[in-house]
Amino acid sequence: SEVLQNAISQTIQTGRQADAAMTQAAVGKAELVDVVTAIAAAEVAL
C-alpha cells in the first residue's frame, strides 16, 4: 500500500508539473519543448 501510495503521489506530482509548465508557457516564460516533455511524462505516468 505504501508503494502504491508513493506511485500515485508521483503521478499526481507529474501532472502538476505538466500543469505548471503549461501555465508558464501561456505567459511566455517556458519553452514549448519543455511543455511537450512535461505533458508526455504526465501521460506516461497516467
ModelCIF file with pLDDT and N, C-alpha, C, O atoms, coordinates in Angstrom:
data_MODEL
#
_entry.id   MODEL 
#
_entity.id                         1 
_entity.type                       polymer 
_entity.pdbx_number_of_molecules   1 
#
_entity_poly.entity_id                      1 
_entity_poly.type                           'polypeptide(L)' 
_entity_poly.nstd_linkage                   no 
_entity_poly.nstd_monomer                   no 
_entity_poly.pdbx_seq_one_letter_code       SEVLQNAISQTIQTGRQADAAMTQAAVGKAELVDVVTAIAAAEVAL 
_entity_poly.pdbx_seq_one_letter_code_can   SEVLQNAISQTIQTGRQADAAMTQAAVGKAELVDVVTAIAAAEVAL 
_entity_poly.pdbx_strand_id                 A 
#
loop_
_entity_poly_seq.entity_id 
_entity_poly_seq.num 
_entity_poly_seq.mon_id 
_entity_poly_seq.hetero 
1 1  SER n 
1 2  GLU n 
1 3  VAL n 
1 4  LEU n 
1 5  GLN n 
1 6  ASN n 
1 7  ALA n 
1 8  ILE n 
1 9  SER n 
1 10 GLN n 
1 11 THR n 
1 12 ILE n 
1 13 GLN n 
1 14 THR n 
1 15 GLY n 
1 16 ARG n 
1 17 GLN n 
1 18 ALA n 
1 19 ASP n 
1 20 ALA n 
1 21 ALA n 
1 22 MET n 
1 23 THR n 
1 24 GLN n 
1 25 ALA n 
1 26 ALA n 
1 27 VAL n 
1 28 GLY n 
1 29 LYS n 
1 30 ALA n 
1 31 GLU n 
1 32 LEU n 
1 33 VAL n 
1 34 ASP n 
1 35 VAL n 
1 36 VAL n 
1 37 THR n 
1 38 ALA n 
1 39 ILE n 
1 40 ALA n 
1 41 ALA n 
1 42 ALA n 
1 43 GLU n 
1 44 VAL n 
1 45 ALA n 
1 46 LEU n 
#
_struct_asym.id          A 
_struct_asym.entity_id   1 
#
loop_
_ma_qa_metric.id 
_ma_qa_metric.mode 
_ma_qa_metric.name 
_ma_qa_metric.software_group_id 
_ma_qa_metric.type 
1 global pLDDT . pLDDT 
2 local  pLDDT . pLDDT 
#
_ma_qa_metric_global.metric_id      1 
_ma_qa_metric_global.metric_value   93.04 
_ma_qa_metric_global.model_id       1 
_ma_qa_metric_global.ordinal_id     1 
#
loop_
_ma_qa_metric_local.label_asym_id 
_ma_qa_metric_local.label_comp_id 
_ma_qa_metric_local.label_seq_id 
_ma_qa_metric_local.metric_id 
_ma_qa_metric_local.metric_value 
_ma_qa_metric_local.model_id 
_ma_qa_metric_local.ordinal_id 
A SER 1  2 85.00 1 1  
A GLU 2  2 89.00 1 2  
A VAL 3  2 85.00 1 3  
A LEU 4  2 86.00 1 4  
A GLN 5  2 90.00 1 5  
A ASN 6  2 89.00 1 6  
A ALA 7  2 89.00 1 7  
A ILE 8  2 91.00 1 8  
A SER 9  2 93.00 1 9  
A GLN 10 2 93.00 1 10 
A THR 11 2 94.00 1 11 
A ILE 12 2 94.00 1 12 
A GLN 13 2 95.00 1 13 
A THR 14 2 95.00 1 14 
A GLY 15 2 95.00 1 15 
A ARG 16 2 96.00 1 16 
A GLN 17 2 95.00 1 17 
A ALA 18 2 95.00 1 18 
A ASP 19 2 96.00 1 19 
A ALA 20 2 95.00 1 20 
A ALA 21 2 95.00 1 21 
A MET 22 2 95.00 1 22 
A THR 23 2 95.00 1 23 
A GLN 24 2 95.00 1 24 
A ALA 25 2 94.00 1 25 
A ALA 26 2 94.00 1 26 
A VAL 27 2 94.00 1 27 
A GLY 28 2 92.00 1 28 
A LYS 29 2 93.00 1 29 
A ALA 30 2 90.00 1 30 
A GLU 31 2 92.00 1 31 
A LEU 32 2 92.00 1 32 
A VAL 33 2 94.00 1 33 
A ASP 34 2 92.00 1 34 
A VAL 35 2 94.00 1 35 
A VAL 36 2 95.00 1 36 
A THR 37 2 95.00 1 37 
A ALA 38 2 94.00 1 38 
A ILE 39 2 95.00 1 39 
A ALA 40 2 95.00 1 40 
A ALA 41 2 94.00 1 41 
A ALA 42 2 95.00 1 42 
A GLU 43 2 95.00 1 43 
A VAL 44 2 94.00 1 44 
A ALA 45 2 93.00 1 45 
A LEU 46 2 94.00 1 46 
#
loop_
_atom_site.group_PDB 
_atom_site.id 
_atom_site.type_symbol 
_atom_site.label_atom_id 
_atom_site.label_alt_id 
_atom_site.label_comp_id 
_atom_site.label_asym_id 
_atom_site.label_entity_id 
_atom_site.label_seq_id 
_atom_site.pdbx_PDB_ins_code 
_atom_site.Cartn_x 
_atom_site.Cartn_y 
_atom_site.Cartn_z 
_atom_site.occupancy 
_atom_site.B_iso_or_equiv 
_atom_site.pdbx_formal_charge 
_atom_site.auth_seq_id 
_atom_site.auth_comp_id 
_atom_site.auth_asym_id 
_atom_site.auth_atom_id 
_atom_site.pdbx_PDB_model_num 
ATOM 1   N N  . SER A 1 1  ? 0.828  -1.213 0.000   1.00 85.00 ? 1  SER A N  1 
ATOM 2   C CA . SER A 1 1  ? 0.000  0.000  0.000   1.00 85.00 ? 1  SER A CA 1 
ATOM 3   C C  . SER A 1 1  ? 0.862  1.263  0.000   1.00 85.00 ? 1  SER A C  1 
ATOM 4   O O  . SER A 1 1  ? 0.513  2.260  -0.632  1.00 85.00 ? 1  SER A O  1 
ATOM 5   N N  . GLU A 1 2  ? 1.990  1.215  0.712   1.00 89.00 ? 2  GLU A N  1 
ATOM 6   C CA . GLU A 1 2  ? 2.891  2.374  0.718   1.00 89.00 ? 2  GLU A CA 1 
ATOM 7   C C  . GLU A 1 2  ? 3.509  2.598  -0.651  1.00 89.00 ? 2  GLU A C  1 
ATOM 8   O O  . GLU A 1 2  ? 3.618  3.733  -1.114  1.00 89.00 ? 2  GLU A O  1 
ATOM 9   N N  . VAL A 1 3  ? 3.915  1.508  -1.299  1.00 85.00 ? 3  VAL A N  1 
ATOM 10  C CA . VAL A 1 3  ? 4.488  1.615  -2.643  1.00 85.00 ? 3  VAL A CA 1 
ATOM 11  C C  . VAL A 1 3  ? 3.447  2.183  -3.596  1.00 85.00 ? 3  VAL A C  1 
ATOM 12  O O  . VAL A 1 3  ? 3.756  3.037  -4.427  1.00 85.00 ? 3  VAL A O  1 
ATOM 13  N N  . LEU A 1 4  ? 2.223  1.711  -3.474  1.00 86.00 ? 4  LEU A N  1 
ATOM 14  C CA . LEU A 1 4  ? 1.144  2.189  -4.324  1.00 86.00 ? 4  LEU A CA 1 
ATOM 15  C C  . LEU A 1 4  ? 0.850  3.666  -4.058  1.00 86.00 ? 4  LEU A C  1 
ATOM 16  O O  . LEU A 1 4  ? 0.647  4.436  -4.997  1.00 86.00 ? 4  LEU A O  1 
ATOM 17  N N  . GLN A 1 5  ? 0.825  4.061  -2.796  1.00 90.00 ? 5  GLN A N  1 
ATOM 18  C CA . GLN A 1 5  ? 0.593  5.472  -2.455  1.00 90.00 ? 5  GLN A CA 1 
ATOM 19  C C  . GLN A 1 5  ? 1.705  6.357  -3.014  1.00 90.00 ? 5  GLN A C  1 
ATOM 20  O O  . GLN A 1 5  ? 1.437  7.453  -3.505  1.00 90.00 ? 5  GLN A O  1 
ATOM 21  N N  . ASN A 1 6  ? 2.941  5.891  -2.943  1.00 89.00 ? 6  ASN A N  1 
ATOM 22  C CA . ASN A 1 6  ? 4.061  6.662  -3.494  1.00 89.00 ? 6  ASN A CA 1 
ATOM 23  C C  . ASN A 1 6  ? 3.928  6.807  -5.004  1.00 89.00 ? 6  ASN A C  1 
ATOM 24  O O  . ASN A 1 6  ? 4.185  7.879  -5.552  1.00 89.00 ? 6  ASN A O  1 
ATOM 25  N N  . ALA A 1 7  ? 3.530  5.742  -5.673  1.00 89.00 ? 7  ALA A N  1 
ATOM 26  C CA . ALA A 1 7  ? 3.360  5.796  -7.124  1.00 89.00 ? 7  ALA A CA 1 
ATOM 27  C C  . ALA A 1 7  ? 2.248  6.763  -7.504  1.00 89.00 ? 7  ALA A C  1 
ATOM 28  O O  . ALA A 1 7  ? 2.379  7.521  -8.466  1.00 89.00 ? 7  ALA A O  1 
ATOM 29  N N  . ILE A 1 8  ? 1.157  6.737  -6.753  1.00 91.00 ? 8  ILE A N  1 
ATOM 30  C CA . ILE A 1 8  ? 0.055  7.661  -7.016  1.00 91.00 ? 8  ILE A CA 1 
ATOM 31  C C  . ILE A 1 8  ? 0.495  9.104  -6.774  1.00 91.00 ? 8  ILE A C  1 
ATOM 32  O O  . ILE A 1 8  ? 0.174  9.997  -7.557  1.00 91.00 ? 8  ILE A O  1 
ATOM 33  N N  . SER A 1 9  ? 1.226  9.321  -5.695  1.00 93.00 ? 9  SER A N  1 
ATOM 34  C CA . SER A 1 9  ? 1.725  10.666 -5.393  1.00 93.00 ? 9  SER A CA 1 
ATOM 35  C C  . SER A 1 9  ? 2.647  11.178 -6.497  1.00 93.00 ? 9  SER A C  1 
ATOM 36  O O  . SER A 1 9  ? 2.576  12.344 -6.884  1.00 93.00 ? 9  SER A O  1 
ATOM 37  N N  . GLN A 1 10 ? 3.506  10.302 -6.995  1.00 93.00 ? 10 GLN A N  1 
ATOM 38  C CA . GLN A 1 10 ? 4.411  10.698 -8.079  1.00 93.00 ? 10 GLN A CA 1 
ATOM 39  C C  . GLN A 1 10 ? 3.637  11.012 -9.351  1.00 93.00 ? 10 GLN A C  1 
ATOM 40  O O  . GLN A 1 10 ? 3.996  11.934 -10.085 1.00 93.00 ? 10 GLN A O  1 
ATOM 41  N N  . THR A 1 11 ? 2.581  10.254 -9.617  1.00 94.00 ? 11 THR A N  1 
ATOM 42  C CA . THR A 1 11 ? 1.759  10.513 -10.793 1.00 94.00 ? 11 THR A CA 1 
ATOM 43  C C  . THR A 1 11 ? 1.066  11.864 -10.671 1.00 94.00 ? 11 THR A C  1 
ATOM 44  O O  . THR A 1 11 ? 1.012  12.632 -11.632 1.00 94.00 ? 11 THR A O  1 
ATOM 45  N N  . ILE A 1 12 ? 0.541  12.145 -9.497  1.00 94.00 ? 12 ILE A N  1 
ATOM 46  C CA . ILE A 1 12 ? -0.111 13.440 -9.261  1.00 94.00 ? 12 ILE A CA 1 
ATOM 47  C C  . ILE A 1 12 ? 0.897  14.573 -9.407  1.00 94.00 ? 12 ILE A C  1 
ATOM 48  O O  . ILE A 1 12 ? 0.595  15.598 -10.018 1.00 94.00 ? 12 ILE A O  1 
ATOM 49  N N  . GLN A 1 13 ? 2.089  14.394 -8.852  1.00 95.00 ? 13 GLN A N  1 
ATOM 50  C CA . GLN A 1 13 ? 3.129  15.419 -8.950  1.00 95.00 ? 13 GLN A CA 1 
ATOM 51  C C  . GLN A 1 13 ? 3.534  15.664 -10.402 1.00 95.00 ? 13 GLN A C  1 
ATOM 52  O O  . GLN A 1 13 ? 3.760  16.806 -10.803 1.00 95.00 ? 13 GLN A O  1 
ATOM 53  N N  . THR A 1 14 ? 3.625  14.595 -11.185 1.00 95.00 ? 14 THR A N  1 
ATOM 54  C CA . THR A 1 14 ? 3.965  14.739 -12.595 1.00 95.00 ? 14 THR A CA 1 
ATOM 55  C C  . THR A 1 14 ? 2.894  15.532 -13.327 1.00 95.00 ? 14 THR A C  1 
ATOM 56  O O  . THR A 1 14 ? 3.209  16.365 -14.177 1.00 95.00 ? 14 THR A O  1 
ATOM 57  N N  . GLY A 1 15 ? 1.630  15.278 -13.003 1.00 95.00 ? 15 GLY A N  1 
ATOM 58  C CA . GLY A 1 15 ? 0.531  16.039 -13.597 1.00 95.00 ? 15 GLY A CA 1 
ATOM 59  C C  . GLY A 1 15 ? 0.593  17.510 -13.212 1.00 95.00 ? 15 GLY A C  1 
ATOM 60  O O  . GLY A 1 15 ? 0.344  18.391 -14.034 1.00 95.00 ? 15 GLY A O  1 
ATOM 61  N N  . ARG A 1 16 ? 0.923  17.759 -11.968 1.00 96.00 ? 16 ARG A N  1 
ATOM 62  C CA . ARG A 1 16 ? 1.036  19.158 -11.512 1.00 96.00 ? 16 ARG A CA 1 
ATOM 63  C C  . ARG A 1 16 ? 2.186  19.872 -12.213 1.00 96.00 ? 16 ARG A C  1 
ATOM 64  O O  . ARG A 1 16 ? 2.080  21.054 -12.541 1.00 96.00 ? 16 ARG A O  1 
ATOM 65  N N  . GLN A 1 17 ? 3.281  19.156 -12.441 1.00 95.00 ? 17 GLN A N  1 
ATOM 66  C CA . GLN A 1 17 ? 4.414  19.747 -13.160 1.00 95.00 ? 17 GLN A CA 1 
ATOM 67  C C  . GLN A 1 17 ? 4.023  20.085 -14.601 1.00 95.00 ? 17 GLN A C  1 
ATOM 68  O O  . GLN A 1 17 ? 4.433  21.114 -15.139 1.00 95.00 ? 17 GLN A O  1 
ATOM 69  N N  . ALA A 1 18 ? 3.229  19.214 -15.216 1.00 95.00 ? 18 ALA A N  1 
ATOM 70  C CA . ALA A 1 18 ? 2.753  19.492 -16.575 1.00 95.00 ? 18 ALA A CA 1 
ATOM 71  C C  . ALA A 1 18 ? 1.843  20.717 -16.573 1.00 95.00 ? 18 ALA A C  1 
ATOM 72  O O  . ALA A 1 18 ? 1.935  21.561 -17.465 1.00 95.00 ? 18 ALA A O  1 
ATOM 73  N N  . ASP A 1 19 ? 0.969  20.818 -15.581 1.00 96.00 ? 19 ASP A N  1 
ATOM 74  C CA . ASP A 1 19 ? 0.096  21.994 -15.468 1.00 96.00 ? 19 ASP A CA 1 
ATOM 75  C C  . ASP A 1 19 ? 0.918  23.271 -15.296 1.00 96.00 ? 19 ASP A C  1 
ATOM 76  O O  . ASP A 1 19 ? 0.636  24.296 -15.915 1.00 96.00 ? 19 ASP A O  1 
ATOM 77  N N  . ALA A 1 20 ? 1.938  23.188 -14.445 1.00 95.00 ? 20 ALA A N  1 
ATOM 78  C CA . ALA A 1 20 ? 2.790  24.357 -14.216 1.00 95.00 ? 20 ALA A CA 1 
ATOM 79  C C  . ALA A 1 20 ? 3.525  24.751 -15.491 1.00 95.00 ? 20 ALA A C  1 
ATOM 80  O O  . ALA A 1 20 ? 3.663  25.938 -15.787 1.00 95.00 ? 20 ALA A O  1 
ATOM 81  N N  . ALA A 1 21 ? 3.994  23.771 -16.240 1.00 95.00 ? 21 ALA A N  1 
ATOM 82  C CA . ALA A 1 21 ? 4.700  24.067 -17.497 1.00 95.00 ? 21 ALA A CA 1 
ATOM 83  C C  . ALA A 1 21 ? 3.753  24.728 -18.498 1.00 95.00 ? 21 ALA A C  1 
ATOM 84  O O  . ALA A 1 21 ? 4.136  25.664 -19.200 1.00 95.00 ? 21 ALA A O  1 
ATOM 85  N N  . MET A 1 22 ? 2.512  24.233 -18.557 1.00 95.00 ? 22 MET A N  1 
ATOM 86  C CA . MET A 1 22 ? 1.533  24.842 -19.471 1.00 95.00 ? 22 MET A CA 1 
ATOM 87  C C  . MET A 1 22 ? 1.224  26.278 -19.065 1.00 95.00 ? 22 MET A C  1 
ATOM 88  O O  . MET A 1 22 ? 1.091  27.158 -19.916 1.00 95.00 ? 22 MET A O  1 
ATOM 89  N N  . THR A 1 23 ? 1.110  26.505 -17.766 1.00 95.00 ? 23 THR A N  1 
ATOM 90  C CA . THR A 1 23 ? 0.844  27.858 -17.270 1.00 95.00 ? 23 THR A CA 1 
ATOM 91  C C  . THR A 1 23 ? 1.997  28.789 -17.610 1.00 95.00 ? 23 THR A C  1 
ATOM 92  O O  . THR A 1 23 ? 1.787  29.918 -18.052 1.00 95.00 ? 23 THR A O  1 
ATOM 93  N N  . GLN A 1 24 ? 3.221  28.305 -17.400 1.00 95.00 ? 24 GLN A N  1 
ATOM 94  C CA . GLN A 1 24 ? 4.397  29.114 -17.720 1.00 95.00 ? 24 GLN A CA 1 
ATOM 95  C C  . GLN A 1 24 ? 4.463  29.422 -19.221 1.00 95.00 ? 24 GLN A C  1 
ATOM 96  O O  . GLN A 1 24 ? 4.839  30.526 -19.616 1.00 95.00 ? 24 GLN A O  1 
ATOM 97  N N  . ALA A 1 25 ? 4.100  28.450 -20.044 1.00 94.00 ? 25 ALA A N  1 
ATOM 98  C CA . ALA A 1 25 ? 4.109  28.676 -21.495 1.00 94.00 ? 25 ALA A CA 1 
ATOM 99  C C  . ALA A 1 25 ? 3.035  29.678 -21.895 1.00 94.00 ? 25 ALA A C  1 
ATOM 100 O O  . ALA A 1 25 ? 3.232  30.466 -22.820 1.00 94.00 ? 25 ALA A O  1 
ATOM 101 N N  . ALA A 1 26 ? 1.905  29.650 -21.205 1.00 94.00 ? 26 ALA A N  1 
ATOM 102 C CA . ALA A 1 26 ? 0.810  30.567 -21.527 1.00 94.00 ? 26 ALA A CA 1 
ATOM 103 C C  . ALA A 1 26 ? 1.204  32.018 -21.289 1.00 94.00 ? 26 ALA A C  1 
ATOM 104 O O  . ALA A 1 26 ? 0.727  32.914 -21.985 1.00 94.00 ? 26 ALA A O  1 
ATOM 105 N N  . VAL A 1 27 ? 2.067  32.251 -20.315 1.00 94.00 ? 27 VAL A N  1 
ATOM 106 C CA . VAL A 1 27 ? 2.509  33.616 -20.031 1.00 94.00 ? 27 VAL A CA 1 
ATOM 107 C C  . VAL A 1 27 ? 3.846  33.924 -20.687 1.00 94.00 ? 27 VAL A C  1 
ATOM 108 O O  . VAL A 1 27 ? 4.427  34.987 -20.466 1.00 94.00 ? 27 VAL A O  1 
ATOM 109 N N  . GLY A 1 28 ? 4.332  32.983 -21.497 1.00 92.00 ? 28 GLY A N  1 
ATOM 110 C CA . GLY A 1 28 ? 5.554  33.219 -22.261 1.00 92.00 ? 28 GLY A CA 1 
ATOM 111 C C  . GLY A 1 28 ? 6.841  33.005 -21.503 1.00 92.00 ? 28 GLY A C  1 
ATOM 112 O O  . GLY A 1 28 ? 7.878  33.533 -21.905 1.00 92.00 ? 28 GLY A O  1 
ATOM 113 N N  . LYS A 1 29 ? 6.818  32.247 -20.417 1.00 93.00 ? 29 LYS A N  1 
ATOM 114 C CA . LYS A 1 29 ? 8.009  32.041 -19.606 1.00 93.00 ? 29 LYS A CA 1 
ATOM 115 C C  . LYS A 1 29 ? 8.595  30.642 -19.739 1.00 93.00 ? 29 LYS A C  1 
ATOM 116 O O  . LYS A 1 29 ? 9.518  30.289 -19.006 1.00 93.00 ? 29 LYS A O  1 
ATOM 117 N N  . ALA A 1 30 ? 8.069  29.837 -20.668 1.00 90.00 ? 30 ALA A N  1 
ATOM 118 C CA . ALA A 1 30 ? 8.580  28.470 -20.826 1.00 90.00 ? 30 ALA A CA 1 
ATOM 119 C C  . ALA A 1 30 ? 8.686  28.133 -22.304 1.00 90.00 ? 30 ALA A C  1 
ATOM 120 O O  . ALA A 1 30 ? 7.939  28.647 -23.137 1.00 90.00 ? 30 ALA A O  1 
ATOM 121 N N  . GLU A 1 31 ? 9.622  27.267 -22.601 1.00 92.00 ? 31 GLU A N  1 
ATOM 122 C CA . GLU A 1 31 ? 9.800  26.801 -23.976 1.00 92.00 ? 31 GLU A CA 1 
ATOM 123 C C  . GLU A 1 31 ? 8.756  25.726 -24.290 1.00 92.00 ? 31 GLU A C  1 
ATOM 124 O O  . GLU A 1 31 ? 8.338  24.972 -23.411 1.00 92.00 ? 31 GLU A O  1 
ATOM 125 N N  . LEU A 1 32 ? 8.355  25.671 -25.531 1.00 92.00 ? 32 LEU A N  1 
ATOM 126 C CA . LEU A 1 32 ? 7.354  24.702 -25.957 1.00 92.00 ? 32 LEU A CA 1 
ATOM 127 C C  . LEU A 1 32 ? 7.850  23.271 -25.760 1.00 92.00 ? 32 LEU A C  1 
ATOM 128 O O  . LEU A 1 32 ? 7.071  22.389 -25.398 1.00 92.00 ? 32 LEU A O  1 
ATOM 129 N N  . VAL A 1 33 ? 9.127  23.038 -25.993 1.00 94.00 ? 33 VAL A N  1 
ATOM 130 C CA . VAL A 1 33 ? 9.668  21.687 -25.840 1.00 94.00 ? 33 VAL A CA 1 
ATOM 131 C C  . VAL A 1 33 ? 9.567  21.214 -24.390 1.00 94.00 ? 33 VAL A C  1 
ATOM 132 O O  . VAL A 1 33 ? 9.349  20.028 -24.143 1.00 94.00 ? 33 VAL A O  1 
ATOM 133 N N  . ASP A 1 34 ? 9.722  22.125 -23.434 1.00 92.00 ? 34 ASP A N  1 
ATOM 134 C CA . ASP A 1 34 ? 9.576  21.772 -22.018 1.00 92.00 ? 34 ASP A CA 1 
ATOM 135 C C  . ASP A 1 34 ? 8.128  21.395 -21.694 1.00 92.00 ? 34 ASP A C  1 
ATOM 136 O O  . ASP A 1 34 ? 7.874  20.473 -20.918 1.00 92.00 ? 34 ASP A O  1 
ATOM 137 N N  . VAL A 1 35 ? 7.197  22.112 -22.291 1.00 94.00 ? 35 VAL A N  1 
ATOM 138 C CA . VAL A 1 35 ? 5.782  21.824 -22.066 1.00 94.00 ? 35 VAL A CA 1 
ATOM 139 C C  . VAL A 1 35 ? 5.427  20.458 -22.648 1.00 94.00 ? 35 VAL A C  1 
ATOM 140 O O  . VAL A 1 35 ? 4.757  19.655 -22.000 1.00 94.00 ? 35 VAL A O  1 
ATOM 141 N N  . VAL A 1 36 ? 5.876  20.203 -23.867 1.00 95.00 ? 36 VAL A N  1 
ATOM 142 C CA . VAL A 1 36 ? 5.580  18.918 -24.514 1.00 95.00 ? 36 VAL A CA 1 
ATOM 143 C C  . VAL A 1 36 ? 6.202  17.770 -23.722 1.00 95.00 ? 36 VAL A C  1 
ATOM 144 O O  . VAL A 1 36 ? 5.577  16.723 -23.557 1.00 95.00 ? 36 VAL A O  1 
ATOM 145 N N  . THR A 1 37 ? 7.414  17.955 -23.236 1.00 95.00 ? 37 THR A N  1 
ATOM 146 C CA . THR A 1 37 ? 8.079  16.925 -22.441 1.00 95.00 ? 37 THR A CA 1 
ATOM 147 C C  . THR A 1 37 ? 7.321  16.661 -21.144 1.00 95.00 ? 37 THR A C  1 
ATOM 148 O O  . THR A 1 37 ? 7.140  15.507 -20.757 1.00 95.00 ? 37 THR A O  1 
ATOM 149 N N  . ALA A 1 38 ? 6.882  17.711 -20.477 1.00 94.00 ? 38 ALA A N  1 
ATOM 150 C CA . ALA A 1 38 ? 6.146  17.560 -19.216 1.00 94.00 ? 38 ALA A CA 1 
ATOM 151 C C  . ALA A 1 38 ? 4.805  16.869 -19.455 1.00 94.00 ? 38 ALA A C  1 
ATOM 152 O O  . ALA A 1 38 ? 4.392  16.023 -18.662 1.00 94.00 ? 38 ALA A O  1 
ATOM 153 N N  . ILE A 1 39 ? 4.132  17.223 -20.535 1.00 95.00 ? 39 ILE A N  1 
ATOM 154 C CA . ILE A 1 39 ? 2.844  16.595 -20.842 1.00 95.00 ? 39 ILE A CA 1 
ATOM 155 C C  . ILE A 1 39 ? 3.045  15.120 -21.182 1.00 95.00 ? 39 ILE A C  1 
ATOM 156 O O  . ILE A 1 39 ? 2.262  14.270 -20.759 1.00 95.00 ? 39 ILE A O  1 
ATOM 157 N N  . ALA A 1 40 ? 4.089  14.821 -21.941 1.00 95.00 ? 40 ALA A N  1 
ATOM 158 C CA . ALA A 1 40 ? 4.369  13.425 -22.293 1.00 95.00 ? 40 ALA A CA 1 
ATOM 159 C C  . ALA A 1 40 ? 4.671  12.600 -21.047 1.00 95.00 ? 40 ALA A C  1 
ATOM 160 O O  . ALA A 1 40 ? 4.216  11.462 -20.930 1.00 95.00 ? 40 ALA A O  1 
ATOM 161 N N  . ALA A 1 41 ? 5.431  13.165 -20.125 1.00 94.00 ? 41 ALA A N  1 
ATOM 162 C CA . ALA A 1 41 ? 5.747  12.464 -18.878 1.00 94.00 ? 41 ALA A CA 1 
ATOM 163 C C  . ALA A 1 41 ? 4.482  12.214 -18.059 1.00 94.00 ? 41 ALA A C  1 
ATOM 164 O O  . ALA A 1 41 ? 4.313  11.139 -17.484 1.00 94.00 ? 41 ALA A O  1 
ATOM 165 N N  . ALA A 1 42 ? 3.599  13.206 -18.009 1.00 95.00 ? 42 ALA A N  1 
ATOM 166 C CA . ALA A 1 42 ? 2.337  13.049 -17.282 1.00 95.00 ? 42 ALA A CA 1 
ATOM 167 C C  . ALA A 1 42 ? 1.470  11.984 -17.939 1.00 95.00 ? 42 ALA A C  1 
ATOM 168 O O  . ALA A 1 42 ? 0.820  11.196 -17.252 1.00 95.00 ? 42 ALA A O  1 
ATOM 169 N N  . GLU A 1 43 ? 1.460  11.958 -19.264 1.00 95.00 ? 43 GLU A N  1 
ATOM 170 C CA . GLU A 1 43 ? 0.671  10.953 -19.981 1.00 95.00 ? 43 GLU A CA 1 
ATOM 171 C C  . GLU A 1 43 ? 1.185  9.543  -19.707 1.00 95.00 ? 43 GLU A C  1 
ATOM 172 O O  . GLU A 1 43 ? 0.398  8.624  -19.483 1.00 95.00 ? 43 GLU A O  1 
ATOM 173 N N  . VAL A 1 44 ? 2.508  9.376  -19.726 1.00 94.00 ? 44 VAL A N  1 
ATOM 174 C CA . VAL A 1 44 ? 3.095  8.066  -19.447 1.00 94.00 ? 44 VAL A CA 1 
ATOM 175 C C  . VAL A 1 44 ? 2.789  7.636  -18.013 1.00 94.00 ? 44 VAL A C  1 
ATOM 176 O O  . VAL A 1 44 ? 2.453  6.476  -17.771 1.00 94.00 ? 44 VAL A O  1 
ATOM 177 N N  . ALA A 1 45 ? 2.902  8.560  -17.068 1.00 93.00 ? 45 ALA A N  1 
ATOM 178 C CA . ALA A 1 45 ? 2.611  8.240  -15.667 1.00 93.00 ? 45 ALA A CA 1 
ATOM 179 C C  . ALA A 1 45 ? 1.157  7.825  -15.491 1.00 93.00 ? 45 ALA A C  1 
ATOM 180 O O  . ALA A 1 45 ? 0.865  6.867  -14.775 1.00 93.00 ? 45 ALA A O  1 
ATOM 181 N N  . LEU A 1 46 ? 0.253  8.538  -16.136 1.00 94.00 ? 46 LEU A N  1 
ATOM 182 C CA . LEU A 1 46 ? -1.171 8.207  -16.027 1.00 94.00 ? 46 LEU A CA 1 
ATOM 183 C C  . LEU A 1 46 ? -1.477 6.857  -16.677 1.00 94.00 ? 46 LEU A C  1 
ATOM 184 O O  . LEU A 1 46 ? -2.628 6.419  -16.678 1.00 94.00 ? 46 LEU A O  1 
#
